Amino acid sequence: MDALTVLASAAFGSTAYLTTLSAVKWLNQQDSRMKVAGLVVVGMVLCATVGMIASASQSVVIGFIVGGGTTPPVHRWILQRPRPVASS
């Protein structure tokens, strides 16, 4: 297993998660017909992406799963941190 491939795939998994999250949040603000069509397209793209990753090497699959699995709790933690107040 190549460690660099795992790290690169983890970054890709994290990017895929954050992109999907942003797309779904944006689609939730749209009207019903566009929301349904958009969610179908997002689902098809995710299925195609996971299918391509599944056909790759084992280290790519492990990295993608690690990146996609660790991003949600880290993202929640970042959003919950108190932000410092800028002083003038």
C-alpha atoms as a PDB file:
ATOM      1  CA  MET A   1       0.000   0.000   0.000  1.00  0.00           C
ATOM      2  CA  ASP A   2       1.405   3.360  -1.032  1.00  0.00           C
ATOM      3  CA  ALA A   3       1.079   5.981   1.729  1.00  0.00           C
ATOM      4  CA  LEU A   4       1.132   8.902  -0.698  1.00  0.00           C
ATOM      5  CA  THR A   5      -1.750   7.389  -2.674  1.00  0.00           C
ATOM      6  CA  VAL A   6      -3.738   6.945   0.544  1.00  0.00           C
ATOM      7  CA  LEU A   7      -3.157  10.589   1.522  1.00  0.00           C
ATOM      8  CA  ALA A   8      -4.092  11.880  -1.921  1.00  0.00           C
ATOM      9  CA  SER A   9      -7.236   9.755  -1.937  1.00  0.00           C
ATOM     10  CA  ALA A  10      -8.119  10.951   1.571  1.00  0.00           C
ATOM     11  CA  ALA A  11      -7.901  14.534   0.350  1.00  0.00           C
ATOM     12  CA  PHE A  12     -10.116  13.643  -2.604  1.00  0.00           C
ATOM     13  CA  GLY A  13     -12.644  11.947  -0.291  1.00  0.00           C
ATOM     14  CA  SER A  14     -12.711  15.016   1.914  1.00  0.00           C
ATOM     15  CA  THR A  15     -13.213  17.271  -1.107  1.00  0.00           C
ATOM     16  CA  ALA A  16     -16.007  15.048  -2.403  1.00  0.00           C
ATOM     17  CA  TYR A  17     -17.775  15.248   0.968  1.00  0.00           C
ATOM     18  CA  LEU A  18     -17.506  19.032   1.245  1.00  0.00           C
ATOM     19  CA  THR A  19     -18.572  19.575  -2.376  1.00  0.00           C
ATOM     20  CA  THR A  20     -21.606  17.329  -1.931  1.00  0.00           C
ATOM     21  CA  LEU A  21     -22.528  19.062   1.326  1.00  0.00           C
ATOM     22  CA  SER A  22     -22.379  22.475  -0.343  1.00  0.00           C
ATOM     23  CA  ALA A  23     -24.403  21.290  -3.341  1.00  0.00           C
ATOM     24  CA  VAL A  24     -27.123  19.777  -1.155  1.00  0.00           C
ATOM     25  CA  LYS A  25     -27.328  22.901   1.033  1.00  0.00           C
ATOM     26  CA  TRP A  26     -27.715  25.035  -2.096  1.00  0.00           C
ATOM     27  CA  LEU A  27     -30.319  22.660  -3.582  1.00  0.00           C
ATOM     28  CA  ASN A  28     -32.362  22.799  -0.368  1.00  0.00           C
ATOM     29  CA  GLN A  29     -32.898  26.505  -1.018  1.00  0.00           C
ATOM     30  CA  GLN A  30     -34.278  25.927  -4.529  1.00  0.00           C
ATOM     31  CA  ASP A  31     -37.829  25.135  -5.618  1.00  0.00           C
ATOM     32  CA  SER A  32     -39.078  21.554  -5.423  1.00  0.00           C
ATOM     33  CA  ARG A  33     -38.573  20.525  -9.072  1.00  0.00           C
ATOM     34  CA  MET A  34     -35.018  21.800  -9.229  1.00  0.00           C
ATOM     35  CA  LYS A  35     -34.231  20.255  -5.840  1.00  0.00           C
ATOM     36  CA  VAL A  36     -35.326  16.790  -6.945  1.00  0.00           C
ATOM     37  CA  ALA A  37     -33.502  16.992 -10.278  1.00  0.00           C
ATOM     38  CA  GLY A  38     -30.369  18.332  -8.587  1.00  0.00           C
ATOM     39  CA  LEU A  39     -30.357  15.630  -5.945  1.00  0.00           C
ATOM     40  CA  VAL A  40     -30.715  12.966  -8.654  1.00  0.00           C
ATOM     41  CA  VAL A  41     -27.725  14.429 -10.513  1.00  0.00           C
ATOM     42  CA  VAL A  42     -25.659  14.654  -7.316  1.00  0.00           C
ATOM     43  CA  GLY A  43     -26.505  11.028  -6.526  1.00  0.00           C
ATOM     44  CA  MET A  44     -25.512   9.875 -10.008  1.00  0.00           C
ATOM     45  CA  VAL A  45     -22.194  11.730  -9.805  1.00  0.00           C
ATOM     46  CA  LEU A  46     -21.480  10.219  -6.384  1.00  0.00           C
ATOM     47  CA  CYS A  47     -22.292   6.719  -7.636  1.00  0.00           C
ATOM     48  CA  ALA A  48     -20.000   7.185 -10.631  1.00  0.00           C
ATOM     49  CA  THR A  49     -17.224   8.522  -8.414  1.00  0.00           C
ATOM     50  CA  VAL A  50     -17.505   5.652  -5.952  1.00  0.00           C
ATOM     51  CA  GLY A  51     -17.600   3.175  -8.847  1.00  0.00           C
ATOM     52  CA  MET A  52     -14.401   4.590 -10.320  1.00  0.00           C
ATOM     53  CA  ILE A  53     -12.725   4.507  -6.922  1.00  0.00           C
ATOM     54  CA  ALA A  54     -13.846   0.934  -6.308  1.00  0.00           C
ATOM     55  CA  SER A  55     -12.172  -0.157  -9.526  1.00  0.00           C
ATOM     56  CA  ALA A  56      -8.875   1.463  -8.474  1.00  0.00           C
ATOM     57  CA  SER A  57      -6.256  -0.004  -6.200  1.00  0.00           C
ATOM     58  CA  GLN A  58      -6.877  -0.962  -2.582  1.00  0.00           C
ATOM     59  CA  SER A  59      -4.899   2.002  -1.244  1.00  0.00           C
ATOM     60  CA  VAL A  60      -7.080   4.428  -3.219  1.00  0.00           C
ATOM     61  CA  VAL A  61     -10.241   2.911  -1.758  1.00  0.00           C
ATOM     62  CA  ILE A  62      -8.859   3.011   1.798  1.00  0.00           C
ATOM     63  CA  GLY A  63      -7.760   6.630   1.428  1.00  0.00           C
ATOM     64  CA  PHE A  64     -11.114   7.727  -0.011  1.00  0.00           C
ATOM     65  CA  ILE A  65     -12.998   6.059   2.847  1.00  0.00           C
ATOM     66  CA  VAL A  66     -10.668   7.571   5.463  1.00  0.00           C
ATOM     67  CA  GLY A  67     -10.987  11.059   3.953  1.00  0.00           C
ATOM     68  CA  GLY A  68     -14.752  10.882   3.580  1.00  0.00           C
ATOM     69  CA  GLY A  69     -15.160   9.385   7.046  1.00  0.00           C
ATOM     70  CA  THR A  70     -12.994  11.805   8.988  1.00  0.00           C
ATOM     71  CA  THR A  71     -14.153  15.012   7.316  1.00  0.00           C
ATOM     72  CA  PRO A  72     -17.678  15.306   8.857  1.00  0.00           C
ATOM     73  CA  PRO A  73     -16.555  15.344  12.521  1.00  0.00           C
ATOM     74  CA  VAL A  74     -13.622  17.652  11.741  1.00  0.00           C
ATOM     75  CA  HIS A  75     -15.917  19.974   9.781  1.00  0.00           C
ATOM     76  CA  ARG A  76     -18.397  20.101  12.681  1.00  0.00           C
ATOM     77  CA  TRP A  77     -15.544  20.805  15.105  1.00  0.00           C
ATOM     78  CA  ILE A  78     -14.268  23.678  12.950  1.00  0.00           C
ATOM     79  CA  LEU A  79     -17.747  25.207  12.732  1.00  0.00           C
ATOM     80  CA  GLN A  80     -18.254  25.001  16.529  1.00  0.00           C
ATOM     81  CA  ARG A  81     -14.969  26.656  17.523  1.00  0.00           C
ATOM     82  CA  PRO A  82     -15.302  30.068  19.076  1.00  0.00           C
ATOM     83  CA  ARG A  83     -14.018  32.746  16.734  1.00  0.00           C
ATOM     84  CA  PRO A  84     -11.695  35.411  18.158  1.00  0.00           C
ATOM     85  CA  VAL A  85     -13.099  38.904  18.144  1.00  0.00           C
ATOM     86  CA  ALA A  86     -10.975  41.390  16.222  1.00  0.00           C
ATOM     87  CA  SER A  87      -9.933  44.379  18.283  1.00  0.00           C
ATOM     88  CA  SER A  88      -9.648  47.785  16.710  1.00  0.00           C
END
